[in-house]
Structure formats: structure tokens, C-alpha cells
Amino acid sequence: MLRQAMFAADGDRPAARMHPMVDNRSGAELLQRSGFARQVVDSMPLRVSYRSFDQLIADLRVQGLTSVLASRAPPLTRSGLDTARTTFMDHADEHGRVTETFEILTLTGWKS
């Protein structure tokens, strides 16, 4: 939902605000291109529910999971931020919570 909310906030000209998604296959390919042999990629989905968009952003900041791109995106306007909040909460369940799924990847390889 976060990705959808950020796309909605940027309107017709989305900025690069979120890093590309890496799945198991692309993780193994990254290890292989880096010269590692016998690549192993484990994944664990983690489902977390939030009562607000701001709480999700706060959690990401506390974990150091923001601003990972090489170039910074322009800041969101107030109206863009309001659009992101509204879009995010449009996906709330009957308890007023939005569930996000985080995929935690562990990449392992051997260097010969």
C-alpha cells in the first residue's frame, strides 16, 4: 500500500522515492554477478498492520529504511502528503488498520 500511496501522492510525474523491489531470484543474481558461488537466498514474509500512514513512515525511519537511493527525490508537497495518507487509509480493514507485507531476504554466498 505504501508504494501505491506514494505514486498517488506524486500524481502524473512520480519521483524515485522507493528502492526497486528485490525478490529471491534477483537476489541470487546479484550474488552471482558479484562473484559469489553457491548462492542461497532465504525469504521470510512479515505482515504488519498500521493505524496510520505516519506510523508506517516512523517505523521505517527508526529502522534506517529511508533515503536509500543515490539521488534524493524532491520533497512531497502538503497536498501530496495528504493524498498519500488518504490513499493509504483507503485500504484499511474494518478495524481501521492497513496491513503491509515486508519480505526479509537473507543473501548468502561463498567466495572462492
C-alpha atoms as a PDB file:
ATOM      1  CA  MET A   1       0.000   0.000   0.000  1.00  0.00           C
ATOM      2  CA  LEU A   2       2.914   2.370   0.667  1.00  0.00           C
ATOM      3  CA  ARG A   3       4.082   2.166  -2.948  1.00  0.00           C
ATOM      4  CA  GLN A   4       0.553   2.911  -4.211  1.00  0.00           C
ATOM      5  CA  ALA A   5       0.173   5.803  -1.781  1.00  0.00           C
ATOM      6  CA  MET A   6       3.450   7.364  -2.896  1.00  0.00           C
ATOM      7  CA  PHE A   7       2.547   7.013  -6.584  1.00  0.00           C
ATOM      8  CA  ALA A   8      -0.793   8.691  -5.878  1.00  0.00           C
ATOM      9  CA  ALA A   9       0.958  11.493  -3.977  1.00  0.00           C
ATOM     10  CA  ASP A  10       3.239  12.293  -6.902  1.00  0.00           C
ATOM     11  CA  GLY A  11       0.440  12.392  -9.468  1.00  0.00           C
ATOM     12  CA  ASP A  12       1.399  12.292 -13.143  1.00  0.00           C
ATOM     13  CA  ARG A  13       5.136  12.675 -12.532  1.00  0.00           C
ATOM     14  CA  PRO A  14       6.206  10.104  -9.937  1.00  0.00           C
ATOM     15  CA  ALA A  15       9.595  10.695  -8.347  1.00  0.00           C
ATOM     16  CA  ALA A  16      12.044   7.940  -7.470  1.00  0.00           C
ATOM     17  CA  ARG A  17      11.175   7.639  -3.783  1.00  0.00           C
ATOM     18  CA  MET A  18      11.332   3.905  -3.196  1.00  0.00           C
ATOM     19  CA  HIS A  19      14.095   1.457  -3.968  1.00  0.00           C
ATOM     20  CA  PRO A  20      13.455  -1.267  -6.541  1.00  0.00           C
ATOM     21  CA  MET A  21      11.966  -4.437  -5.136  1.00  0.00           C
ATOM     22  CA  VAL A  22      14.376  -7.370  -4.889  1.00  0.00           C
ATOM     23  CA  ASP A  23      12.935 -10.879  -4.960  1.00  0.00           C
ATOM     24  CA  ASN A  24      14.667 -14.233  -4.375  1.00  0.00           C
ATOM     25  CA  ARG A  25      15.711 -14.676  -7.995  1.00  0.00           C
ATOM     26  CA  SER A  26      17.165 -11.184  -8.392  1.00  0.00           C
ATOM     27  CA  GLY A  27      18.924 -11.523  -5.021  1.00  0.00           C
ATOM     28  CA  ALA A  28      20.663 -14.704  -6.205  1.00  0.00           C
ATOM     29  CA  GLU A  29      21.555 -12.999  -9.487  1.00  0.00           C
ATOM     30  CA  LEU A  30      23.088 -10.074  -7.586  1.00  0.00           C
ATOM     31  CA  LEU A  31      25.254 -12.512  -5.614  1.00  0.00           C
ATOM     32  CA  GLN A  32      26.300 -14.300  -8.806  1.00  0.00           C
ATOM     33  CA  ARG A  33      27.222 -11.055 -10.584  1.00  0.00           C
ATOM     34  CA  SER A  34      29.284 -10.087  -7.508  1.00  0.00           C
ATOM     35  CA  GLY A  35      31.378 -13.234  -7.902  1.00  0.00           C
ATOM     36  CA  PHE A  36      29.840 -15.385  -5.184  1.00  0.00           C
ATOM     37  CA  ALA A  37      29.343 -19.117  -5.745  1.00  0.00           C
ATOM     38  CA  ARG A  38      26.640 -21.389  -4.309  1.00  0.00           C
ATOM     39  CA  GLN A  39      24.177 -18.579  -3.754  1.00  0.00           C
ATOM     40  CA  VAL A  40      21.448 -19.176  -1.215  1.00  0.00           C
ATOM     41  CA  VAL A  41      18.565 -16.792  -0.711  1.00  0.00           C
ATOM     42  CA  ASP A  42      16.099 -17.265   2.119  1.00  0.00           C
ATOM     43  CA  SER A  43      12.992 -15.149   2.484  1.00  0.00           C
ATOM     44  CA  MET A  44      10.558 -14.562   5.282  1.00  0.00           C
ATOM     45  CA  PRO A  45       7.381 -12.532   4.861  1.00  0.00           C
ATOM     46  CA  LEU A  46       6.474 -10.280   7.761  1.00  0.00           C
ATOM     47  CA  ARG A  47       2.943  -8.872   7.910  1.00  0.00           C
ATOM     48  CA  VAL A  48       2.488  -5.726   9.982  1.00  0.00           C
ATOM     49  CA  SER A  49      -0.674  -3.671  10.367  1.00  0.00           C
ATOM     50  CA  TYR A  50      -0.746   0.087  10.858  1.00  0.00           C
ATOM     51  CA  ARG A  51      -3.373   2.508  12.060  1.00  0.00           C
ATOM     52  CA  SER A  52      -1.833   5.378  10.106  1.00  0.00           C
ATOM     53  CA  PHE A  53       0.473   6.234   7.244  1.00  0.00           C
ATOM     54  CA  ASP A  54       2.594   8.330   9.612  1.00  0.00           C
ATOM     55  CA  GLN A  55       3.221   5.349  11.913  1.00  0.00           C
ATOM     56  CA  LEU A  56       4.484   3.281   8.978  1.00  0.00           C
ATOM     57  CA  ILE A  57       6.849   6.081   7.943  1.00  0.00           C
ATOM     58  CA  ALA A  58       8.034   6.458  11.564  1.00  0.00           C
ATOM     59  CA  ASP A  59       8.775   2.719  11.763  1.00  0.00           C
ATOM     60  CA  LEU A  60      10.748   2.847   8.506  1.00  0.00           C
ATOM     61  CA  ARG A  61      12.772   5.831   9.760  1.00  0.00           C
ATOM     62  CA  VAL A  62      13.583   4.192  13.091  1.00  0.00           C
ATOM     63  CA  GLN A  63      14.928   1.144  11.237  1.00  0.00           C
ATOM     64  CA  GLY A  64      17.006   3.266   8.864  1.00  0.00           C
ATOM     65  CA  LEU A  65      14.985   2.135   5.852  1.00  0.00           C
ATOM     66  CA  THR A  66      14.510   5.519   4.199  1.00  0.00           C
ATOM     67  CA  SER A  67      16.621   7.533   1.751  1.00  0.00           C
ATOM     68  CA  VAL A  68      18.452   4.537   0.308  1.00  0.00           C
ATOM     69  CA  LEU A  69      18.542   5.898  -3.236  1.00  0.00           C
ATOM     70  CA  ALA A  70      21.652   7.634  -4.558  1.00  0.00           C
ATOM     71  CA  SER A  71      19.774  10.798  -5.531  1.00  0.00           C
ATOM     72  CA  ARG A  72      17.172  12.420  -3.334  1.00  0.00           C
ATOM     73  CA  ALA A  73      13.633  12.875  -4.593  1.00  0.00           C
ATOM     74  CA  PRO A  74      12.017  16.292  -4.291  1.00  0.00           C
ATOM     75  CA  PRO A  75      10.041  16.693  -1.071  1.00  0.00           C
ATOM     76  CA  LEU A  76       6.328  15.983  -1.122  1.00  0.00           C
ATOM     77  CA  THR A  77       4.023  18.952  -1.007  1.00  0.00           C
ATOM     78  CA  ARG A  78       1.456  19.195   1.778  1.00  0.00           C
ATOM     79  CA  SER A  79      -1.287  18.206  -0.650  1.00  0.00           C
ATOM     80  CA  GLY A  80       0.830  15.282  -1.890  1.00  0.00           C
ATOM     81  CA  LEU A  81       1.354  14.089   1.675  1.00  0.00           C
ATOM     82  CA  ASP A  82      -2.386  14.369   2.355  1.00  0.00           C
ATOM     83  CA  THR A  83      -3.063  12.360  -0.821  1.00  0.00           C
ATOM     84  CA  ALA A  84      -0.605   9.671   0.323  1.00  0.00           C
ATOM     85  CA  ARG A  85      -2.282   9.460   3.742  1.00  0.00           C
ATOM     86  CA  THR A  86      -5.757   9.232   2.203  1.00  0.00           C
ATOM     87  CA  THR A  87      -4.735   6.631  -0.395  1.00  0.00           C
ATOM     88  CA  PHE A  88      -3.039   4.535   2.290  1.00  0.00           C
ATOM     89  CA  MET A  89      -6.057   4.621   4.604  1.00  0.00           C
ATOM     90  CA  ASP A  90      -8.433   3.803   1.718  1.00  0.00           C
ATOM     91  CA  HIS A  91      -7.118   0.236   2.105  1.00  0.00           C
ATOM     92  CA  ALA A  92      -7.956  -0.020   5.810  1.00  0.00           C
ATOM     93  CA  ASP A  93      -9.843  -3.040   7.089  1.00  0.00           C
ATOM     94  CA  GLU A  94     -12.905  -2.973   9.347  1.00  0.00           C
ATOM     95  CA  HIS A  95     -10.635  -2.251  12.335  1.00  0.00           C
ATOM     96  CA  GLY A  96      -9.095   0.803  10.664  1.00  0.00           C
ATOM     97  CA  ARG A  97      -5.751  -0.887  10.033  1.00  0.00           C
ATOM     98  CA  VAL A  98      -3.751  -1.310   6.827  1.00  0.00           C
ATOM     99  CA  THR A  99      -1.588  -4.415   6.529  1.00  0.00           C
ATOM    100  CA  GLU A 100       1.801  -4.159   4.841  1.00  0.00           C
ATOM    101  CA  THR A 101       3.889  -7.201   3.976  1.00  0.00           C
ATOM    102  CA  PHE A 102       7.654  -6.877   4.250  1.00  0.00           C
ATOM    103  CA  GLU A 103       9.806  -9.554   2.641  1.00  0.00           C
ATOM    104  CA  ILE A 104      13.024 -10.073   4.585  1.00  0.00           C
ATOM    105  CA  LEU A 105      15.749 -11.597   2.396  1.00  0.00           C
ATOM    106  CA  THR A 106      18.913 -13.238   3.665  1.00  0.00           C
ATOM    107  CA  LEU A 107      21.533 -13.484   0.922  1.00  0.00           C
ATOM    108  CA  THR A 108      24.392 -15.942   1.401  1.00  0.00           C
ATOM    109  CA  GLY A 109      27.196 -16.871  -0.957  1.00  0.00           C
ATOM    110  CA  TRP A 110      30.685 -18.336  -0.906  1.00  0.00           C
ATOM    111  CA  LYS A 111      33.701 -16.552  -2.320  1.00  0.00           C
ATOM    112  CA  SER A 112      36.281 -18.896  -3.801  1.00  0.00           C
END
